[in-house]
C-alpha atoms as a PDB file:
ATOM      1  CA  UNK A   1     -15.762  26.471 -29.567  1.00  0.00           C
ATOM      2  CA  UNK A   2     -19.343  27.367 -29.769  1.00  0.00           C
ATOM      3  CA  UNK A   3     -20.804  29.637 -27.455  1.00  0.00           C
ATOM      4  CA  UNK A   4     -21.577  28.479 -24.445  1.00  0.00           C
ATOM      5  CA  UNK A   5     -19.984  25.165 -24.737  1.00  0.00           C
ATOM      6  CA  UNK A   6     -18.918  24.676 -21.450  1.00  0.00           C
ATOM      7  CA  UNK A   7     -22.130  25.999 -19.505  1.00  0.00           C
ATOM      8  CA  UNK A   8     -22.429  24.532 -16.158  1.00  0.00           C
ATOM      9  CA  UNK A   9     -19.121  23.286 -15.823  1.00  0.00           C
ATOM     10  CA  UNK A  10     -16.452  24.108 -13.252  1.00  0.00           C
ATOM     11  CA  UNK A  11     -12.788  24.907 -13.905  1.00  0.00           C
ATOM     12  CA  UNK A  12      -9.878  25.716 -11.567  1.00  0.00           C
ATOM     13  CA  UNK A  13      -7.330  27.920 -12.884  1.00  0.00           C
ATOM     14  CA  UNK A  14      -4.108  28.231 -11.146  1.00  0.00           C
ATOM     15  CA  UNK A  15      -1.888  31.258 -12.284  1.00  0.00           C
ATOM     16  CA  UNK A  16      -4.590  32.816 -13.379  1.00  0.00           C
ATOM     17  CA  UNK A  17      -4.081  36.682 -12.568  1.00  0.00           C
ATOM     18  CA  UNK A  18      -2.200  37.035 -15.524  1.00  0.00           C
ATOM     19  CA  UNK A  19      -0.414  35.759 -18.701  1.00  0.00           C
ATOM     20  CA  UNK A  20      -1.574  32.678 -20.257  1.00  0.00           C
ATOM     21  CA  UNK A  21      -3.452  31.634 -17.416  1.00  0.00           C
ATOM     22  CA  UNK A  22      -5.630  35.112 -16.759  1.00  0.00           C
ATOM     23  CA  UNK A  23      -6.702  34.901 -20.397  1.00  0.00           C
ATOM     24  CA  UNK A  24      -7.285  30.868 -20.358  1.00  0.00           C
ATOM     25  CA  UNK A  25      -9.704  31.610 -17.620  1.00  0.00           C
ATOM     26  CA  UNK A  26     -11.402  34.672 -19.403  1.00  0.00           C
ATOM     27  CA  UNK A  27     -12.193  32.580 -21.959  1.00  0.00           C
ATOM     28  CA  UNK A  28     -13.654  29.384 -20.245  1.00  0.00           C
ATOM     29  CA  UNK A  29     -15.755  31.505 -18.264  1.00  0.00           C
ATOM     30  CA  UNK A  30     -16.945  33.111 -21.968  1.00  0.00           C
ATOM     31  CA  UNK A  31     -16.991  29.180 -23.095  1.00  0.00           C
ATOM     32  CA  UNK A  32     -19.870  28.868 -19.957  1.00  0.00           C
ATOM     33  CA  UNK A  33     -17.905  27.214 -17.241  1.00  0.00           C
ATOM     34  CA  UNK A  34     -18.225  28.782 -14.035  1.00  0.00           C
ATOM     35  CA  UNK A  35     -14.200  29.565 -13.093  1.00  0.00           C
ATOM     36  CA  UNK A  36     -12.226  28.934  -9.467  1.00  0.00           C
ATOM     37  CA  UNK A  37      -9.197  31.417 -10.588  1.00  0.00           C
ATOM     38  CA  UNK A  38      -6.582  30.993  -8.259  1.00  0.00           C
ATOM     39  CA  UNK A  39      -3.465  33.225  -7.588  1.00  0.00           C
ATOM     40  CA  UNK A  40      -1.461  35.187  -4.853  1.00  0.00           C
ATOM     41  CA  UNK A  41      -2.212  38.487  -6.258  1.00  0.00           C
ATOM     42  CA  UNK A  42      -5.646  39.727  -5.129  1.00  0.00           C
ATOM     43  CA  UNK A  43      -6.211  43.181  -6.889  1.00  0.00           C
ATOM     44  CA  UNK A  44      -5.112  41.145 -10.186  1.00  0.00           C
ATOM     45  CA  UNK A  45      -7.632  38.386  -9.764  1.00  0.00           C
ATOM     46  CA  UNK A  46     -10.439  41.129  -9.175  1.00  0.00           C
ATOM     47  CA  UNK A  47      -9.612  42.389 -11.949  1.00  0.00           C
ATOM     48  CA  UNK A  48     -10.278  39.318 -13.622  1.00  0.00           C
ATOM     49  CA  UNK A  49     -13.574  38.980 -12.162  1.00  0.00           C
ATOM     50  CA  UNK A  50     -14.745  42.042 -12.791  1.00  0.00           C
ATOM     51  CA  UNK A  51     -13.862  41.337 -16.526  1.00  0.00           C
ATOM     52  CA  UNK A  52     -15.204  38.168 -16.574  1.00  0.00           C
ATOM     53  CA  UNK A  53     -18.922  39.436 -15.061  1.00  0.00           C
ATOM     54  CA  UNK A  54     -18.321  42.354 -17.944  1.00  0.00           C
ATOM     55  CA  UNK A  55     -18.189  39.338 -20.225  1.00  0.00           C
ATOM     56  CA  UNK A  56     -21.532  37.201 -18.868  1.00  0.00           C
ATOM     57  CA  UNK A  57     -19.748  34.822 -16.369  1.00  0.00           C
ATOM     58  CA  UNK A  58     -19.068  33.808 -13.126  1.00  0.00           C
ATOM     59  CA  UNK A  59     -15.861  32.961 -11.006  1.00  0.00           C
ATOM     60  CA  UNK A  60     -14.895  32.818  -7.685  1.00  0.00           C
ATOM     61  CA  UNK A  61     -11.670  34.113  -6.800  1.00  0.00           C
ATOM     62  CA  UNK A  62      -8.929  31.550  -4.346  1.00  0.00           C
ATOM     63  CA  UNK A  63      -6.224  33.911  -3.234  1.00  0.00           C
ATOM     64  CA  UNK A  64      -3.613  31.394  -2.384  1.00  0.00           C
ATOM     65  CA  UNK A  65       0.206  31.494  -2.557  1.00  0.00           C
ATOM     66  CA  UNK A  66       0.923  27.404  -4.412  1.00  0.00           C
ATOM     67  CA  UNK A  67       3.714  27.018  -1.855  1.00  0.00           C
ATOM     68  CA  UNK A  68       0.911  26.702   1.032  1.00  0.00           C
ATOM     69  CA  UNK A  69       0.309  22.590   1.309  1.00  0.00           C
ATOM     70  CA  UNK A  70      -2.275  23.502   3.868  1.00  0.00           C
ATOM     71  CA  UNK A  71      -4.338  25.524   1.474  1.00  0.00           C
ATOM     72  CA  UNK A  72      -3.973  22.957  -1.460  1.00  0.00           C
ATOM     73  CA  UNK A  73      -4.691  20.152   0.727  1.00  0.00           C
ATOM     74  CA  UNK A  74      -7.989  22.056   1.650  1.00  0.00           C
ATOM     75  CA  UNK A  75      -8.834  22.825  -1.719  1.00  0.00           C
ATOM     76  CA  UNK A  76     -10.651  20.131  -2.409  1.00  0.00           C
ATOM     77  CA  UNK A  77     -12.784  19.721   0.296  1.00  0.00           C
ATOM     78  CA  UNK A  78     -13.747  23.376   0.085  1.00  0.00           C
ATOM     79  CA  UNK A  79     -14.788  22.818  -3.619  1.00  0.00           C
ATOM     80  CA  UNK A  80     -16.726  19.291  -2.447  1.00  0.00           C
ATOM     81  CA  UNK A  81     -18.145  20.941  -0.880  1.00  0.00           C
ATOM     82  CA  UNK A  82     -19.839  23.704  -2.391  1.00  0.00           C
ATOM     83  CA  UNK A  83     -20.049  21.471  -5.760  1.00  0.00           C
ATOM     84  CA  UNK A  84     -19.545  17.995  -5.153  1.00  0.00           C
ATOM     85  CA  UNK A  85     -16.946  17.673  -8.496  1.00  0.00           C
ATOM     86  CA  UNK A  86     -14.164  19.912 -10.550  1.00  0.00           C
ATOM     87  CA  UNK A  87     -14.797  19.272 -14.325  1.00  0.00           C
ATOM     88  CA  UNK A  88     -11.820  21.074 -15.312  1.00  0.00           C
ATOM     89  CA  UNK A  89      -8.383  21.650 -14.114  1.00  0.00           C
ATOM     90  CA  UNK A  90      -5.699  23.658 -15.411  1.00  0.00           C
ATOM     91  CA  UNK A  91      -2.680  23.594 -13.854  1.00  0.00           C
ATOM     92  CA  UNK A  92      -0.856  26.742 -15.047  1.00  0.00           C
ATOM     93  CA  UNK A  93       0.768  29.051 -12.456  1.00  0.00           C
ATOM     94  CA  UNK A  94       4.907  28.385 -12.721  1.00  0.00           C
ATOM     95  CA  UNK A  95       7.734  30.706 -11.571  1.00  0.00           C
ATOM     96  CA  UNK A  96      11.096  30.794 -13.682  1.00  0.00           C
ATOM     97  CA  UNK A  97      13.875  30.881 -11.326  1.00  0.00           C
ATOM     98  CA  UNK A  98      16.962  31.770 -12.432  1.00  0.00           C
ATOM     99  CA  UNK A  99      18.814  31.630 -15.768  1.00  0.00           C
ATOM    100  CA  UNK A 100      22.508  30.579 -14.383  1.00  0.00           C
ATOM    101  CA  UNK A 101      24.787  27.719 -14.189  1.00  0.00           C
ATOM    102  CA  UNK A 102      24.234  24.900 -12.348  1.00  0.00           C
ATOM    103  CA  UNK A 103      26.599  25.033  -9.872  1.00  0.00           C
ATOM    104  CA  UNK A 104      25.633  28.887  -9.425  1.00  0.00           C
ATOM    105  CA  UNK A 105      21.920  27.614  -8.636  1.00  0.00           C
ATOM    106  CA  UNK A 106      20.644  29.170  -5.163  1.00  0.00           C
ATOM    107  CA  UNK A 107      18.993  26.541  -3.207  1.00  0.00           C
ATOM    108  CA  UNK A 108      16.278  28.216  -1.635  1.00  0.00           C
ATOM    109  CA  UNK A 109      15.505  29.344  -5.273  1.00  0.00           C
ATOM    110  CA  UNK A 110      15.929  25.726  -6.311  1.00  0.00           C
ATOM    111  CA  UNK A 111      13.357  24.535  -3.554  1.00  0.00           C
ATOM    112  CA  UNK A 112      10.680  27.595  -4.688  1.00  0.00           C
ATOM    113  CA  UNK A 113      10.874  26.676  -8.025  1.00  0.00           C
ATOM    114  CA  UNK A 114      10.305  22.793  -7.804  1.00  0.00           C
ATOM    115  CA  UNK A 115       7.899  23.647  -4.571  1.00  0.00           C
ATOM    116  CA  UNK A 116       5.819  25.899  -7.011  1.00  0.00           C
ATOM    117  CA  UNK A 117       6.446  24.222 -10.607  1.00  0.00           C
ATOM    118  CA  UNK A 118       6.344  20.451  -9.018  1.00  0.00           C
ATOM    119  CA  UNK A 119       5.256  19.955  -5.956  1.00  0.00           C
ATOM    120  CA  UNK A 120       1.844  22.211  -6.066  1.00  0.00           C
ATOM    121  CA  UNK A 121       0.830  20.474  -9.141  1.00  0.00           C
ATOM    122  CA  UNK A 122       1.239  17.111  -7.329  1.00  0.00           C
ATOM    123  CA  UNK A 123      -1.111  18.316  -4.468  1.00  0.00           C
ATOM    124  CA  UNK A 124      -3.059  19.635  -6.438  1.00  0.00           C
ATOM    125  CA  UNK A 125      -3.677  16.194  -8.276  1.00  0.00           C
ATOM    126  CA  UNK A 126      -4.022  14.329  -4.606  1.00  0.00           C
ATOM    127  CA  UNK A 127      -6.713  16.967  -3.436  1.00  0.00           C
ATOM    128  CA  UNK A 128      -8.661  16.970  -6.579  1.00  0.00           C
ATOM    129  CA  UNK A 129      -8.590  13.718  -8.036  1.00  0.00           C
ATOM    130  CA  UNK A 130     -11.640  12.390  -6.343  1.00  0.00           C
ATOM    131  CA  UNK A 131     -13.679  15.531  -7.868  1.00  0.00           C
ATOM    132  CA  UNK A 132     -12.142  14.928 -11.274  1.00  0.00           C
ATOM    133  CA  UNK A 133     -13.087  11.472 -11.292  1.00  0.00           C
ATOM    134  CA  UNK A 134     -17.054  12.825 -10.197  1.00  0.00           C
ATOM    135  CA  UNK A 135     -17.070  14.776 -12.806  1.00  0.00           C
ATOM    136  CA  UNK A 136     -18.889  12.362 -16.302  1.00  0.00           C
ATOM    137  CA  UNK A 137     -16.308  14.532 -18.194  1.00  0.00           C
ATOM    138  CA  UNK A 138     -12.990  15.541 -16.315  1.00  0.00           C
ATOM    139  CA  UNK A 139     -10.450  17.274 -18.136  1.00  0.00           C
ATOM    140  CA  UNK A 140      -6.514  18.014 -16.384  1.00  0.00           C
ATOM    141  CA  UNK A 141      -4.703  20.161 -18.665  1.00  0.00           C
ATOM    142  CA  UNK A 142      -0.676  21.329 -17.419  1.00  0.00           C
ATOM    143  CA  UNK A 143       1.523  23.451 -19.014  1.00  0.00           C
ATOM    144  CA  UNK A 144       4.872  22.766 -19.822  1.00  0.00           C
ATOM    145  CA  UNK A 145       7.760  23.981 -21.524  1.00  0.00           C
ATOM    146  CA  UNK A 146      10.623  22.963 -24.486  1.00  0.00           C
ATOM    147  CA  UNK A 147      13.247  23.430 -22.258  1.00  0.00           C
ATOM    148  CA  UNK A 148      12.306  20.101 -20.408  1.00  0.00           C
ATOM    149  CA  UNK A 149      13.340  18.412 -23.332  1.00  0.00           C
ATOM    150  CA  UNK A 150      16.082  20.583 -24.848  1.00  0.00           C
ATOM    151  CA  UNK A 151      18.562  20.603 -22.154  1.00  0.00           C
ATOM    152  CA  UNK A 152      18.832  24.461 -22.515  1.00  0.00           C
ATOM    153  CA  UNK A 153      22.539  25.368 -21.036  1.00  0.00           C
ATOM    154  CA  UNK A 154      21.905  27.916 -17.623  1.00  0.00           C
ATOM    155  CA  UNK A 155      17.915  26.667 -17.793  1.00  0.00           C
ATOM    156  CA  UNK A 156      18.572  23.646 -15.152  1.00  0.00           C
ATOM    157  CA  UNK A 157      16.237  24.455 -12.598  1.00  0.00           C
ATOM    158  CA  UNK A 158      13.175  25.443 -14.705  1.00  0.00           C
ATOM    159  CA  UNK A 159      13.980  22.273 -17.393  1.00  0.00           C
ATOM    160  CA  UNK A 160      14.587  20.303 -14.358  1.00  0.00           C
ATOM    161  CA  UNK A 161      10.941  21.220 -13.128  1.00  0.00           C
ATOM    162  CA  UNK A 162       9.188  21.112 -16.148  1.00  0.00           C
ATOM    163  CA  UNK A 163      10.865  17.686 -16.911  1.00  0.00           C
ATOM    164  CA  UNK A 164       9.613  15.984 -13.349  1.00  0.00           C
ATOM    165  CA  UNK A 165       6.254  17.568 -14.197  1.00  0.00           C
ATOM    166  CA  UNK A 166       5.751  15.786 -17.484  1.00  0.00           C
ATOM    167  CA  UNK A 167       7.094  12.698 -15.815  1.00  0.00           C
ATOM    168  CA  UNK A 168       4.411  13.161 -13.226  1.00  0.00           C
ATOM    169  CA  UNK A 169       1.280  14.309 -15.294  1.00  0.00           C
ATOM    170  CA  UNK A 170       1.694  10.788 -17.461  1.00  0.00           C
ATOM    171  CA  UNK A 171       1.774   8.729 -15.299  1.00  0.00           C
ATOM    172  CA  UNK A 172      -1.024   9.683 -13.026  1.00  0.00           C
ATOM    173  CA  UNK A 173      -2.591  10.161 -17.198  1.00  0.00           C
ATOM    174  CA  UNK A 174      -2.163   6.049 -17.569  1.00  0.00           C
ATOM    175  CA  UNK A 175      -3.363   5.949 -13.877  1.00  0.00           C
ATOM    176  CA  UNK A 176      -6.654   6.990 -14.565  1.00  0.00           C
ATOM    177  CA  UNK A 177      -7.055   5.018 -18.258  1.00  0.00           C
ATOM    178  CA  UNK A 178     -10.073   3.552 -16.735  1.00  0.00           C
ATOM    179  CA  UNK A 179     -11.931   6.088 -15.815  1.00  0.00           C
ATOM    180  CA  UNK A 180     -13.500   8.858 -18.189  1.00  0.00           C
ATOM    181  CA  UNK A 181     -10.564  11.390 -16.579  1.00  0.00           C
ATOM    182  CA  UNK A 182      -8.556  12.872 -19.149  1.00  0.00           C
ATOM    183  CA  UNK A 183      -5.126  14.435 -19.147  1.00  0.00           C
ATOM    184  CA  UNK A 184      -2.818  16.137 -20.753  1.00  0.00           C
ATOM    185  CA  UNK A 185      -0.050  18.580 -20.606  1.00  0.00           C
ATOM    186  CA  UNK A 186       0.597  21.913 -23.621  1.00  0.00           C
ATOM    187  CA  UNK A 187       3.253  23.393 -24.261  1.00  0.00           C
ATOM    188  CA  UNK A 188       2.320  27.140 -25.342  1.00  0.00           C
ATOM    189  CA  UNK A 189       5.749  27.654 -27.031  1.00  0.00           C
ATOM    190  CA  UNK A 190       7.046  31.242 -27.575  1.00  0.00           C
ATOM    191  CA  UNK A 191       3.772  33.276 -26.268  1.00  0.00           C
ATOM    192  CA  UNK A 192       4.062  36.961 -24.673  1.00  0.00           C
ATOM    193  CA  UNK A 193       4.570  36.539 -21.021  1.00  0.00           C
ATOM    194  CA  UNK A 194       5.842  37.937 -17.769  1.00  0.00           C
ATOM    195  CA  UNK A 195       7.760  35.214 -17.364  1.00  0.00           C
ATOM    196  CA  UNK A 196       9.205  35.012 -21.272  1.00  0.00           C
ATOM    197  CA  UNK A 197       9.971  39.136 -21.350  1.00  0.00           C
ATOM    198  CA  UNK A 198      11.970  38.042 -17.915  1.00  0.00           C
ATOM    199  CA  UNK A 199      13.839  35.034 -19.612  1.00  0.00           C
ATOM    200  CA  UNK A 200      14.674  36.748 -22.975  1.00  0.00           C
ATOM    201  CA  UNK A 201      14.996  40.697 -22.229  1.00  0.00           C
ATOM    202  CA  UNK A 202      15.988  41.651 -25.502  1.00  0.00           C
ATOM    203  CA  UNK A 203      13.339  40.428 -27.444  1.00  0.00           C
ATOM    204  CA  UNK A 204      11.011  42.115 -29.108  1.00  0.00           C
ATOM    205  CA  UNK A 205       7.282  40.956 -27.645  1.00  0.00           C
ATOM    206  CA  UNK A 206       5.716  41.333 -30.966  1.00  0.00           C
ATOM    207  CA  UNK A 207       6.979  38.800 -32.948  1.00  0.00           C
ATOM    208  CA  UNK A 208       5.221  36.484 -30.000  1.00  0.00           C
ATOM    209  CA  UNK A 209       1.823  35.428 -29.977  1.00  0.00           C
ATOM    210  CA  UNK A 210      -0.640  37.145 -26.983  1.00  0.00           C
ATOM    211  CA  UNK A 211      -1.612  34.919 -24.713  1.00  0.00           C
ATOM    212  CA  UNK A 212      -4.805  35.128 -25.759  1.00  0.00           C
ATOM    213  CA  UNK A 213      -3.981  33.452 -28.969  1.00  0.00           C
ATOM    214  CA  UNK A 214      -3.864  29.977 -27.922  1.00  0.00           C
ATOM    215  CA  UNK A 215      -7.108  30.213 -25.149  1.00  0.00           C
ATOM    216  CA  UNK A 216      -9.393  28.905 -27.263  1.00  0.00           C
ATOM    217  CA  UNK A 217      -7.386  25.940 -27.796  1.00  0.00           C
ATOM    218  CA  UNK A 218      -7.234  25.494 -24.182  1.00  0.00           C
ATOM    219  CA  UNK A 219     -10.825  25.345 -23.695  1.00  0.00           C
ATOM    220  CA  UNK A 220     -11.211  23.093 -25.960  1.00  0.00           C
ATOM    221  CA  UNK A 221      -8.271  20.943 -23.972  1.00  0.00           C
ATOM    222  CA  UNK A 222     -11.062  20.759 -21.423  1.00  0.00           C
ATOM    223  CA  UNK A 223     -14.090  20.988 -22.532  1.00  0.00           C
ATOM    224  CA  UNK A 224     -16.039  17.240 -22.629  1.00  0.00           C
ATOM    225  CA  UNK A 225     -15.819  16.775 -26.855  1.00  0.00           C
ATOM    226  CA  UNK A 226     -11.769  16.622 -25.883  1.00  0.00           C
ATOM    227  CA  UNK A 227     -10.760  12.720 -26.735  1.00  0.00           C
ATOM    228  CA  UNK A 228      -7.029  13.146 -26.458  1.00  0.00           C
ATOM    229  CA  UNK A 229      -5.242  11.609 -22.953  1.00  0.00           C
ATOM    230  CA  UNK A 230      -1.520  11.445 -21.617  1.00  0.00           C
ATOM    231  CA  UNK A 231      -0.416  13.298 -24.400  1.00  0.00           C
ATOM    232  CA  UNK A 232       2.034  16.339 -24.869  1.00  0.00           C
ATOM    233  CA  UNK A 233      -0.188  19.172 -27.237  1.00  0.00           C
ATOM    234  CA  UNK A 234       1.539  21.797 -28.681  1.00  0.00           C
ATOM    235  CA  UNK A 235       0.316  25.420 -29.528  1.00  0.00           C
ATOM    236  CA  UNK A 236      -0.845  25.846 -33.083  1.00  0.00           C
ATOM    237  CA  UNK A 237       0.636  28.169 -34.758  1.00  0.00           C
END
């Protein structure tokens, strides 16, 4: 991406306080977009804000739990009042849940995984769709995982949530084909994140790519120049 290729754009990033969301938000800001950074942890968001400002960018911080339906429903109205549109959405936030045999899945943790990984994104789409359509070149990108398609033993709850997300997003993509909005999925593959460390505790993190290594590709998918639509995009090696 060229410098300030996203100047004048407004992009919302969920799960912006760490990992892929953090470095994607920073890269988006460096490319000129105003970043609406959403995460549960205020302190981590403030650290992101400091780094964005140091890079000459701008951000609006939104401390919010994605399991709060009222907050997500109100988000669209707040963005409309301030900007009147939304140019980009990165649906990045997710939780792993327990890696356990399917009969042992705790119902409360199952509900939490689906609430964050699926329902929150459905509510974001519901709340933000008019704003994304109001942009001349709206772009929406949702993070997924290969486990949605590999049916890996013990990963039932996380895999089910990502499979549901993929179905939701690709259905939505088909619904907006007559608009300028482009909607895609992005699989980062093996990336050095806290979730990955929890899932693979014996793995050497140094063999994994750093989240900043895929940030430029994410910026590209959220830029006006992106022509892909209704696609599952795999991170470049």
